[in-house]
Amino acid sequence: MSNLAIPAPSASTPDSSEAHARVEQDADRAMADISDLTTAFDGLTTGIAVEEWDTSTLDERLRNGFLGYYLEHKDGTRLLVFPLGQDPAQRLAAARTLLTEAAA
């Protein structure tokens, strides 16, 4: 096991609370209105670059724990990265979680 400490969530500012609520609403709307996972994923990630990474060379612990990664560059470019061949339902759930946390 790792000795990494997970920081406690900080208090949300009004702006981040509003952004968080918007992401949640968008994700809820996508899930409710669209039964096709691919279409829901595309709607949720509009304007965000999405990449798939081959994780087969990672240590098994890392490979099994990598569900997705979100990065926002200084220039505002946003990127979501997922394991190659990930289950679409798991990918949609990971994207929703990552984007919600990024808006917080």
Protein backbone atom coordinates (compact mmCIF):
# COMPACT_ATOMS: atom_id res chain seq x y z
CA MET A 1 0.00 0.00 0.00
CA SER A 2 1.04 3.57 -0.52
CA ASN A 3 1.68 6.18 2.13
CA LEU A 4 0.16 8.90 -0.02
CA ALA A 5 -2.21 11.19 1.82
CA ILE A 6 -5.38 12.21 0.07
CA PRO A 7 -6.09 15.88 0.69
CA ALA A 8 -9.43 16.76 2.20
CA PRO A 9 -11.80 18.65 -0.11
CA SER A 10 -11.50 22.39 0.31
CA ALA A 11 -14.45 24.68 0.78
CA SER A 12 -16.06 25.50 -2.53
CA THR A 13 -16.24 29.03 -3.76
CA PRO A 14 -19.57 30.20 -5.20
CA ASP A 15 -18.12 30.07 -8.73
CA SER A 16 -16.90 26.51 -8.36
CA SER A 17 -20.21 25.45 -6.78
CA GLU A 18 -22.09 26.84 -9.76
CA ALA A 19 -19.73 25.13 -12.22
CA HIS A 20 -20.05 21.88 -10.27
CA ALA A 21 -23.85 22.13 -10.40
CA ARG A 22 -23.76 22.81 -14.17
CA VAL A 23 -21.62 19.74 -14.83
CA GLU A 24 -23.92 17.62 -12.67
CA GLN A 25 -26.99 18.93 -14.51
CA ASP A 26 -25.42 18.35 -17.91
CA ALA A 27 -24.41 14.82 -16.94
CA ASP A 28 -27.85 14.07 -15.48
CA ARG A 29 -29.52 15.39 -18.62
CA ALA A 30 -27.23 13.32 -20.84
CA MET A 31 -27.93 10.19 -18.82
CA ALA A 32 -31.70 10.77 -18.73
CA ASP A 33 -32.20 11.85 -22.33
CA ILE A 34 -29.81 9.50 -24.09
CA SER A 35 -29.75 5.75 -23.72
CA ASP A 36 -26.84 5.27 -26.12
CA LEU A 37 -23.59 5.44 -24.09
CA THR A 38 -21.48 6.65 -26.99
CA THR A 39 -23.82 9.54 -27.72
CA ALA A 40 -24.00 10.42 -24.01
CA PHE A 41 -20.20 10.36 -23.78
CA ASP A 42 -19.85 12.55 -26.87
CA GLY A 43 -22.35 15.04 -25.46
CA LEU A 44 -20.61 15.20 -22.09
CA THR A 45 -17.14 15.68 -23.62
CA THR A 46 -18.02 18.24 -26.29
CA GLY A 47 -15.09 20.65 -26.65
CA ILE A 48 -12.69 18.36 -24.77
CA ALA A 49 -9.95 16.35 -26.47
CA VAL A 50 -10.25 12.63 -25.68
CA GLU A 51 -7.39 10.15 -25.99
CA GLU A 52 -7.01 6.43 -25.37
CA TRP A 53 -3.76 5.16 -23.90
CA ASP A 54 -2.44 1.62 -24.09
CA THR A 55 -1.93 0.70 -20.44
CA SER A 56 -0.69 -2.85 -21.07
CA THR A 57 2.89 -1.95 -20.13
CA LEU A 58 1.94 -0.53 -16.73
CA ASP A 59 2.36 -2.50 -13.53
CA GLU A 60 -0.80 -4.52 -12.86
CA ARG A 61 -1.77 -2.37 -9.84
CA LEU A 62 -1.59 0.79 -11.94
CA ARG A 63 -3.24 -0.82 -14.95
CA ASN A 64 -6.21 -2.03 -12.89
CA GLY A 65 -6.61 1.30 -11.11
CA PHE A 66 -6.40 3.63 -14.11
CA LEU A 67 -9.95 4.61 -15.01
CA GLY A 68 -9.29 8.02 -16.51
CA TYR A 69 -7.35 11.25 -16.20
CA TYR A 70 -8.31 14.90 -16.72
CA LEU A 71 -5.85 17.65 -17.59
CA GLU A 72 -6.39 21.33 -18.31
CA HIS A 73 -3.49 23.16 -19.92
CA LYS A 74 -2.63 26.78 -19.12
CA ASP A 75 -4.02 27.80 -22.52
CA GLY A 76 -7.43 26.35 -21.56
CA THR A 77 -7.15 23.19 -23.67
CA ARG A 78 -8.88 20.33 -21.85
CA LEU A 79 -7.95 16.67 -22.22
CA LEU A 80 -9.50 13.43 -20.97
CA VAL A 81 -7.45 10.23 -21.17
CA PHE A 82 -8.86 6.71 -20.81
CA PRO A 83 -7.44 3.20 -21.07
CA LEU A 84 -7.62 1.65 -24.51
CA GLY A 85 -10.66 -0.63 -24.82
CA GLN A 86 -12.35 0.56 -21.62
CA ASP A 87 -15.99 -0.46 -21.11
CA PRO A 88 -18.22 2.40 -22.42
CA ALA A 89 -20.35 2.55 -19.25
CA GLN A 90 -17.23 2.73 -17.07
CA ARG A 91 -15.74 5.41 -19.34
CA LEU A 92 -18.90 7.52 -19.17
CA ALA A 93 -18.98 7.23 -15.37
CA ALA A 94 -15.27 8.13 -15.13
CA ALA A 95 -15.71 11.14 -17.44
CA ARG A 96 -18.64 12.38 -15.38
CA THR A 97 -16.68 12.05 -12.14
CA LEU A 98 -13.54 13.68 -13.53
CA LEU A 99 -15.41 16.64 -15.03
CA THR A 100 -17.48 17.13 -11.88
CA GLU A 101 -14.34 17.17 -9.74
CA ALA A 102 -12.58 19.53 -12.16
CA ALA A 103 -15.46 22.01 -11.87
CA ALA A 104 -15.37 21.94 -8.06
